[in-house]
């Protein structure tokens, strides 16, 4: 999907406001960990294949962490 320049710059200009940037940074980490916690709780308590889903969740989180570390060093 291609985003037009005017929409991009409209969103980008919000980064110049320090209060909005601080709010976005504050919410980004808890939101991410909250979603992971919800998925982990579902995989452990509400799934029919508990061990498979929990191990899949763990492996995907681990490999995404490894890939993010490699990409961070490359770029």
PDB file of N, CA and C in Angstrom:
ATOM      1  N   UNK A   1       0.836  -1.163   0.000  1.00  0.00           N
ATOM      2  CA  UNK A   1       0.000   0.000   0.000  1.00  0.00           C
ATOM      3  C   UNK A   1       0.890   1.239   0.000  1.00  0.00           C
ATOM      4  N   UNK A   2       0.611   2.126  -0.865  1.00  0.00           N
ATOM      5  CA  UNK A   2       1.401   3.343  -0.994  1.00  0.00           C
ATOM      6  C   UNK A   2       0.715   4.458  -0.220  1.00  0.00           C
ATOM      7  N   UNK A   3       1.479   5.130   0.609  1.00  0.00           N
ATOM      8  CA  UNK A   3       0.939   6.237   1.382  1.00  0.00           C
ATOM      9  C   UNK A   3       1.374   7.540   0.708  1.00  0.00           C
ATOM     10  N   UNK A   4       0.469   8.460   0.586  1.00  0.00           N
ATOM     11  CA  UNK A   4       0.813   9.697  -0.104  1.00  0.00           C
ATOM     12  C   UNK A   4       1.718  10.555   0.782  1.00  0.00           C
ATOM     13  N   UNK A   5       2.465  11.427   0.168  1.00  0.00           N
ATOM     14  CA  UNK A   5       3.404  12.280   0.893  1.00  0.00           C
ATOM     15  C   UNK A   5       2.702  13.199   1.880  1.00  0.00           C
ATOM     16  N   UNK A   6       1.545  13.692   1.522  1.00  0.00           N
ATOM     17  CA  UNK A   6       0.854  14.610   2.432  1.00  0.00           C
ATOM     18  C   UNK A   6       0.419  13.905   3.711  1.00  0.00           C
ATOM     19  N   UNK A   7      -0.046  12.672   3.606  1.00  0.00           N
ATOM     20  CA  UNK A   7      -0.434  11.919   4.803  1.00  0.00           C
ATOM     21  C   UNK A   7       0.795  11.593   5.635  1.00  0.00           C
ATOM     22  N   UNK A   8       1.874  11.203   4.958  1.00  0.00           N
ATOM     23  CA  UNK A   8       3.111  10.885   5.672  1.00  0.00           C
ATOM     24  C   UNK A   8       3.620  12.090   6.444  1.00  0.00           C
ATOM     25  N   UNK A   9       3.692  13.239   5.813  1.00  0.00           N
ATOM     26  CA  UNK A   9       4.203  14.431   6.488  1.00  0.00           C
ATOM     27  C   UNK A   9       3.256  14.925   7.574  1.00  0.00           C
ATOM     28  N   UNK A  10       1.969  14.714   7.400  1.00  0.00           N
ATOM     29  CA  UNK A  10       1.007  15.059   8.444  1.00  0.00           C
ATOM     30  C   UNK A  10       1.293  14.264   9.713  1.00  0.00           C
ATOM     31  N   UNK A  11       1.509  12.955   9.562  1.00  0.00           N
ATOM     32  CA  UNK A  11       1.819  12.103  10.714  1.00  0.00           C
ATOM     33  C   UNK A  11       3.216  12.397  11.244  1.00  0.00           C
ATOM     34  N   UNK A  12       4.159  12.617  10.343  1.00  0.00           N
ATOM     35  CA  UNK A  12       5.548  12.882  10.731  1.00  0.00           C
ATOM     36  C   UNK A  12       5.675  14.170  11.543  1.00  0.00           C
ATOM     37  N   UNK A  13       4.875  15.168  11.246  1.00  0.00           N
ATOM     38  CA  UNK A  13       4.954  16.441  11.965  1.00  0.00           C
ATOM     39  C   UNK A  13       4.567  16.313  13.429  1.00  0.00           C
ATOM     40  N   UNK A  14       3.835  15.272  13.790  1.00  0.00           N
ATOM     41  CA  UNK A  14       3.517  15.063  15.196  1.00  0.00           C
ATOM     42  C   UNK A  14       4.753  14.719  16.013  1.00  0.00           C
ATOM     43  N   UNK A  15       5.803  14.199  15.387  1.00  0.00           N
ATOM     44  CA  UNK A  15       7.010  13.840  16.122  1.00  0.00           C
ATOM     45  C   UNK A  15       7.769  15.060  16.615  1.00  0.00           C
ATOM     46  N   UNK A  16       7.462  16.226  16.111  1.00  0.00           N
ATOM     47  CA  UNK A  16       8.148  17.442  16.546  1.00  0.00           C
ATOM     48  C   UNK A  16       7.624  17.948  17.878  1.00  0.00           C
ATOM     49  N   UNK A  17       6.482  17.463  18.312  1.00  0.00           N
ATOM     50  CA  UNK A  17       5.935  17.840  19.614  1.00  0.00           C
ATOM     51  C   UNK A  17       6.475  16.870  20.656  1.00  0.00           C
ATOM     52  N   UNK A  18       7.217  17.390  21.608  1.00  0.00           N
ATOM     53  CA  UNK A  18       7.866  16.503  22.578  1.00  0.00           C
ATOM     54  C   UNK A  18       6.854  15.763  23.447  1.00  0.00           C
ATOM     55  N   UNK A  19       5.726  16.374  23.747  1.00  0.00           N
ATOM     56  CA  UNK A  19       4.750  15.693  24.598  1.00  0.00           C
ATOM     57  C   UNK A  19       4.137  14.491  23.886  1.00  0.00           C
ATOM     58  N   UNK A  20       3.856  14.621  22.606  1.00  0.00           N
ATOM     59  CA  UNK A  20       3.294  13.498  21.848  1.00  0.00           C
ATOM     60  C   UNK A  20       4.320  12.388  21.695  1.00  0.00           C
ATOM     61  N   UNK A  21       5.583  12.759  21.468  1.00  0.00           N
ATOM     62  CA  UNK A  21       6.642  11.750  21.351  1.00  0.00           C
ATOM     63  C   UNK A  21       6.818  11.005  22.670  1.00  0.00           C
ATOM     64  N   UNK A  22       6.751  11.708  23.789  1.00  0.00           N
ATOM     65  CA  UNK A  22       6.891  11.052  25.091  1.00  0.00           C
ATOM     66  C   UNK A  22       5.726  10.106  25.370  1.00  0.00           C
ATOM     67  N   UNK A  23       4.536  10.512  25.000  1.00  0.00           N
ATOM     68  CA  UNK A  23       3.363   9.655  25.201  1.00  0.00           C
ATOM     69  C   UNK A  23       3.472   8.397  24.335  1.00  0.00           C
ATOM     70  N   UNK A  24       3.905   8.570  23.092  1.00  0.00           N
ATOM     71  CA  UNK A  24       4.041   7.421  22.199  1.00  0.00           C
ATOM     72  C   UNK A  24       5.095   6.444  22.713  1.00  0.00           C
ATOM     73  N   UNK A  25       6.217   6.961  23.189  1.00  0.00           N
ATOM     74  CA  UNK A  25       7.248   6.076  23.739  1.00  0.00           C
ATOM     75  C   UNK A  25       6.775   5.402  25.024  1.00  0.00           C
ATOM     76  N   UNK A  26       6.039   6.132  25.847  1.00  0.00           N
ATOM     77  CA  UNK A  26       5.540   5.560  27.087  1.00  0.00           C
ATOM     78  C   UNK A  26       4.561   4.423  26.818  1.00  0.00           C
ATOM     79  N   UNK A  27       3.709   4.574  25.814  1.00  0.00           N
ATOM     80  CA  UNK A  27       2.695   3.565  25.530  1.00  0.00           C
ATOM     81  C   UNK A  27       3.218   2.395  24.702  1.00  0.00           C
ATOM     82  N   UNK A  28       4.312   2.577  23.992  1.00  0.00           N
ATOM     83  CA  UNK A  28       4.755   1.522  23.083  1.00  0.00           C
ATOM     84  C   UNK A  28       5.206   0.266  23.825  1.00  0.00           C
ATOM     85  N   UNK A  29       5.990   0.415  24.893  1.00  0.00           N
ATOM     86  CA  UNK A  29       6.473  -0.770  25.596  1.00  0.00           C
ATOM     87  C   UNK A  29       5.373  -1.489  26.375  1.00  0.00           C
ATOM     88  N   UNK A  30       4.585  -0.805  27.187  1.00  0.00           N
ATOM     89  CA  UNK A  30       3.528  -1.535  27.906  1.00  0.00           C
ATOM     90  C   UNK A  30       2.508  -2.183  26.970  1.00  0.00           C
ATOM     91  N   UNK A  31       2.206  -1.532  25.862  1.00  0.00           N
ATOM     92  CA  UNK A  31       1.246  -2.097  24.924  1.00  0.00           C
ATOM     93  C   UNK A  31       1.788  -3.398  24.330  1.00  0.00           C
ATOM     94  N   UNK A  32       3.047  -3.393  23.944  1.00  0.00           N
ATOM     95  CA  UNK A  32       3.649  -4.593  23.376  1.00  0.00           C
ATOM     96  C   UNK A  32       3.669  -5.728  24.385  1.00  0.00           C
ATOM     97  N   UNK A  33       4.112  -5.445  25.605  1.00  0.00           N
ATOM     98  CA  UNK A  33       4.169  -6.492  26.618  1.00  0.00           C
ATOM     99  C   UNK A  33       2.777  -6.927  27.059  1.00  0.00           C
ATOM    100  N   UNK A  34       1.831  -6.025  27.017  1.00  0.00           N
ATOM    101  CA  UNK A  34       0.458  -6.383  27.351  1.00  0.00           C
ATOM    102  C   UNK A  34      -0.126  -7.355  26.349  1.00  0.00           C
ATOM    103  N   UNK A  35       0.114  -7.112  25.076  1.00  0.00           N
ATOM    104  CA  UNK A  35      -0.368  -8.027  24.033  1.00  0.00           C
ATOM    105  C   UNK A  35       0.290  -9.392  24.186  1.00  0.00           C
ATOM    106  N   UNK A  36       1.596  -9.417  24.443  1.00  0.00           N
ATOM    107  CA  UNK A  36       2.277 -10.699  24.639  1.00  0.00           C
ATOM    108  C   UNK A  36       1.735 -11.427  25.865  1.00  0.00           C
ATOM    109  N   UNK A  37       1.430 -10.702  26.917  1.00  0.00           N
ATOM    110  CA  UNK A  37       0.874 -11.317  28.114  1.00  0.00           C
ATOM    111  C   UNK A  37      -0.508 -11.904  27.857  1.00  0.00           C
ATOM    112  N   UNK A  38      -1.326 -11.186  27.124  1.00  0.00           N
ATOM    113  CA  UNK A  38      -2.657 -11.696  26.783  1.00  0.00           C
ATOM    114  C   UNK A  38      -2.558 -12.971  25.947  1.00  0.00           C
ATOM    115  N   UNK A  39      -1.666 -12.989  24.984  1.00  0.00           N
ATOM    116  CA  UNK A  39      -1.484 -14.182  24.146  1.00  0.00           C
ATOM    117  C   UNK A  39      -0.954 -15.345  24.981  1.00  0.00           C
ATOM    118  N   UNK A  40      -0.021 -15.068  25.892  1.00  0.00           N
ATOM    119  CA  UNK A  40       0.515 -16.135  26.741  1.00  0.00           C
ATOM    120  C   UNK A  40      -0.559 -16.695  27.658  1.00  0.00           C
ATOM    121  N   UNK A  41      -1.375 -15.842  28.232  1.00  0.00           N
ATOM    122  CA  UNK A  41      -2.465 -16.314  29.099  1.00  0.00           C
ATOM    123  C   UNK A  41      -3.446 -17.167  28.306  1.00  0.00           C
ATOM    124  N   UNK A  42      -3.765 -16.732  27.096  1.00  0.00           N
ATOM    125  CA  UNK A  42      -4.657 -17.532  26.260  1.00  0.00           C
ATOM    126  C   UNK A  42      -4.028 -18.886  25.944  1.00  0.00           C
ATOM    127  N   UNK A  43      -2.728 -18.883  25.592  1.00  0.00           N
ATOM    128  CA  UNK A  43      -2.064 -20.136  25.218  1.00  0.00           C
ATOM    129  C   UNK A  43      -1.999 -21.107  26.389  1.00  0.00           C
ATOM    130  N   UNK A  44      -1.861 -20.590  27.595  1.00  0.00           N
ATOM    131  CA  UNK A  44      -1.729 -21.465  28.753  1.00  0.00           C
ATOM    132  C   UNK A  44      -3.086 -21.953  29.263  1.00  0.00           C
ATOM    133  N   UNK A  45      -4.062 -21.066  29.355  1.00  0.00           N
ATOM    134  CA  UNK A  45      -5.304 -21.415  30.043  1.00  0.00           C
ATOM    135  C   UNK A  45      -6.481 -21.768  29.141  1.00  0.00           C
ATOM    136  N   UNK A  46      -6.575 -21.166  27.984  1.00  0.00           N
ATOM    137  CA  UNK A  46      -7.795 -21.301  27.195  1.00  0.00           C
ATOM    138  C   UNK A  46      -7.634 -22.089  25.906  1.00  0.00           C
ATOM    139  N   UNK A  47      -6.477 -22.572  25.629  1.00  0.00           N
ATOM    140  CA  UNK A  47      -6.247 -23.286  24.382  1.00  0.00           C
ATOM    141  C   UNK A  47      -6.413 -24.791  24.587  1.00  0.00           C
ATOM    142  N   UNK A  48      -6.823 -25.461  23.545  1.00  0.00           N
ATOM    143  CA  UNK A  48      -6.941 -26.915  23.620  1.00  0.00           C
ATOM    144  C   UNK A  48      -5.572 -27.590  23.561  1.00  0.00           C
ATOM    145  N   UNK A  49      -4.665 -27.021  22.812  1.00  0.00           N
ATOM    146  CA  UNK A  49      -3.309 -27.571  22.690  1.00  0.00           C
ATOM    147  C   UNK A  49      -2.351 -26.652  23.433  1.00  0.00           C
ATOM    148  N   UNK A  50      -2.379 -26.688  24.749  1.00  0.00           N
ATOM    149  CA  UNK A  50      -1.661 -25.743  25.592  1.00  0.00           C
ATOM    150  C   UNK A  50      -0.152 -25.767  25.371  1.00  0.00           C
ATOM    151  N   UNK A  51       0.444 -26.920  25.424  1.00  0.00           N
ATOM    152  CA  UNK A  51       1.903 -27.002  25.323  1.00  0.00           C
ATOM    153  C   UNK A  51       2.389 -26.584  23.943  1.00  0.00           C
ATOM    154  N   UNK A  52       1.676 -26.986  22.916  1.00  0.00           N
ATOM    155  CA  UNK A  52       2.067 -26.609  21.554  1.00  0.00           C
ATOM    156  C   UNK A  52       1.992 -25.103  21.377  1.00  0.00           C
ATOM    157  N   UNK A  53       0.897 -24.486  21.797  1.00  0.00           N
ATOM    158  CA  UNK A  53       0.735 -23.047  21.633  1.00  0.00           C
ATOM    159  C   UNK A  53       1.736 -22.265  22.479  1.00  0.00           C
ATOM    160  N   UNK A  54       2.003 -22.721  23.705  1.00  0.00           N
ATOM    161  CA  UNK A  54       2.966 -22.032  24.543  1.00  0.00           C
ATOM    162  C   UNK A  54       4.364 -22.131  23.959  1.00  0.00           C
ATOM    163  N   UNK A  55       4.746 -23.301  23.476  1.00  0.00           N
ATOM    164  CA  UNK A  55       6.079 -23.444  22.878  1.00  0.00           C
ATOM    165  C   UNK A  55       6.181 -22.657  21.578  1.00  0.00           C
ATOM    166  N   UNK A  56       5.113 -22.603  20.810  1.00  0.00           N
ATOM    167  CA  UNK A  56       5.114 -21.792  19.596  1.00  0.00           C
ATOM    168  C   UNK A  56       5.251 -20.307  19.925  1.00  0.00           C
ATOM    169  N   UNK A  57       4.572 -19.862  20.963  1.00  0.00           N
ATOM    170  CA  UNK A  57       4.690 -18.476  21.409  1.00  0.00           C
ATOM    171  C   UNK A  57       6.115 -18.181  21.860  1.00  0.00           C
ATOM    172  N   UNK A  58       6.702 -19.064  22.639  1.00  0.00           N
ATOM    173  CA  UNK A  58       8.065 -18.864  23.118  1.00  0.00           C
ATOM    174  C   UNK A  58       9.057 -18.841  21.966  1.00  0.00           C
ATOM    175  N   UNK A  59       8.957 -19.801  21.049  1.00  0.00           N
ATOM    176  CA  UNK A  59       9.888 -19.853  19.923  1.00  0.00           C
ATOM    177  C   UNK A  59       9.751 -18.637  19.018  1.00  0.00           C
ATOM    178  N   UNK A  60       8.546 -18.192  18.758  1.00  0.00           N
ATOM    179  CA  UNK A  60       8.373 -17.028  17.889  1.00  0.00           C
ATOM    180  C   UNK A  60       8.908 -15.764  18.555  1.00  0.00           C
ATOM    181  N   UNK A  61       8.714 -15.618  19.864  1.00  0.00           N
ATOM    182  CA  UNK A  61       9.267 -14.459  20.571  1.00  0.00           C
ATOM    183  C   UNK A  61      10.794 -14.508  20.575  1.00  0.00           C
ATOM    184  N   UNK A  62      11.355 -15.679  20.790  1.00  0.00           N
ATOM    185  CA  UNK A  62      12.816 -15.820  20.805  1.00  0.00           C
ATOM    186  C   UNK A  62      13.412 -15.516  19.434  1.00  0.00           C
ATOM    187  N   UNK A  63      12.860 -16.097  18.383  1.00  0.00           N
ATOM    188  CA  UNK A  63      13.420 -15.876  17.057  1.00  0.00           C
ATOM    189  C   UNK A  63      13.204 -14.445  16.568  1.00  0.00           C
ATOM    190  N   UNK A  64      12.110 -13.814  16.955  1.00  0.00           N
ATOM    191  CA  UNK A  64      11.932 -12.412  16.578  1.00  0.00           C
ATOM    192  C   UNK A  64      12.940 -11.534  17.307  1.00  0.00           C
ATOM    193  N   UNK A  65      13.282 -11.875  18.540  1.00  0.00           N
ATOM    194  CA  UNK A  65      14.306 -11.146  19.282  1.00  0.00           C
ATOM    195  C   UNK A  65      15.667 -11.300  18.614  1.00  0.00           C
ATOM    196  N   UNK A  66      15.994 -12.529  18.174  1.00  0.00           N
ATOM    197  CA  UNK A  66      17.266 -12.778  17.495  1.00  0.00           C
ATOM    198  C   UNK A  66      17.326 -12.021  16.166  1.00  0.00           C
ATOM    199  N   UNK A  67      16.270 -12.091  15.375  1.00  0.00           N
ATOM    200  CA  UNK A  67      16.240 -11.402  14.085  1.00  0.00           C
ATOM    201  C   UNK A  67      16.335  -9.888  14.273  1.00  0.00           C
ATOM    202  N   UNK A  68      15.654  -9.354  15.278  1.00  0.00           N
ATOM    203  CA  UNK A  68      15.730  -7.915  15.544  1.00  0.00           C
ATOM    204  C   UNK A  68      17.145  -7.506  15.934  1.00  0.00           C
ATOM    205  N   UNK A  69      17.822  -8.334  16.705  1.00  0.00           N
ATOM    206  CA  UNK A  69      19.209  -8.041  17.075  1.00  0.00           C
ATOM    207  C   UNK A  69      20.140  -8.068  15.884  1.00  0.00           C
ATOM    208  N   UNK A  70      19.955  -9.035  15.010  1.00  0.00           N
ATOM    209  CA  UNK A  70      20.787  -9.118  13.800  1.00  0.00           C
ATOM    210  C   UNK A  70      20.521  -7.921  12.889  1.00  0.00           C
ATOM    211  N   UNK A  71      19.262  -7.606  12.667  1.00  0.00           N
ATOM    212  CA  UNK A  71      18.934  -6.463  11.809  1.00  0.00           C
ATOM    213  C   UNK A  71      19.410  -5.143  12.405  1.00  0.00           C
ATOM    214  N   UNK A  72      19.383  -5.030  13.727  1.00  0.00           N
ATOM    215  CA  UNK A  72      19.871  -3.808  14.370  1.00  0.00           C
ATOM    216  C   UNK A  72      21.361  -3.632  14.112  1.00  0.00           C
ATOM    217  N   UNK A  73      22.118  -4.725  14.133  1.00  0.00           N
ATOM    218  CA  UNK A  73      23.552  -4.639  13.876  1.00  0.00           C
ATOM    219  C   UNK A  73      23.861  -4.374  12.399  1.00  0.00           C
ATOM    220  N   UNK A  74      23.004  -4.858  11.517  1.00  0.00           N
ATOM    221  CA  UNK A  74      23.223  -4.634  10.082  1.00  0.00           C
ATOM    222  C   UNK A  74      22.918  -3.200   9.700  1.00  0.00           C
ATOM    223  N   UNK A  75      21.803  -2.685  10.176  1.00  0.00           N
ATOM    224  CA  UNK A  75      21.399  -1.333   9.797  1.00  0.00           C
ATOM    225  C   UNK A  75      21.838  -0.323  10.817  1.00  0.00           C
TER     226      UNK A  75
END
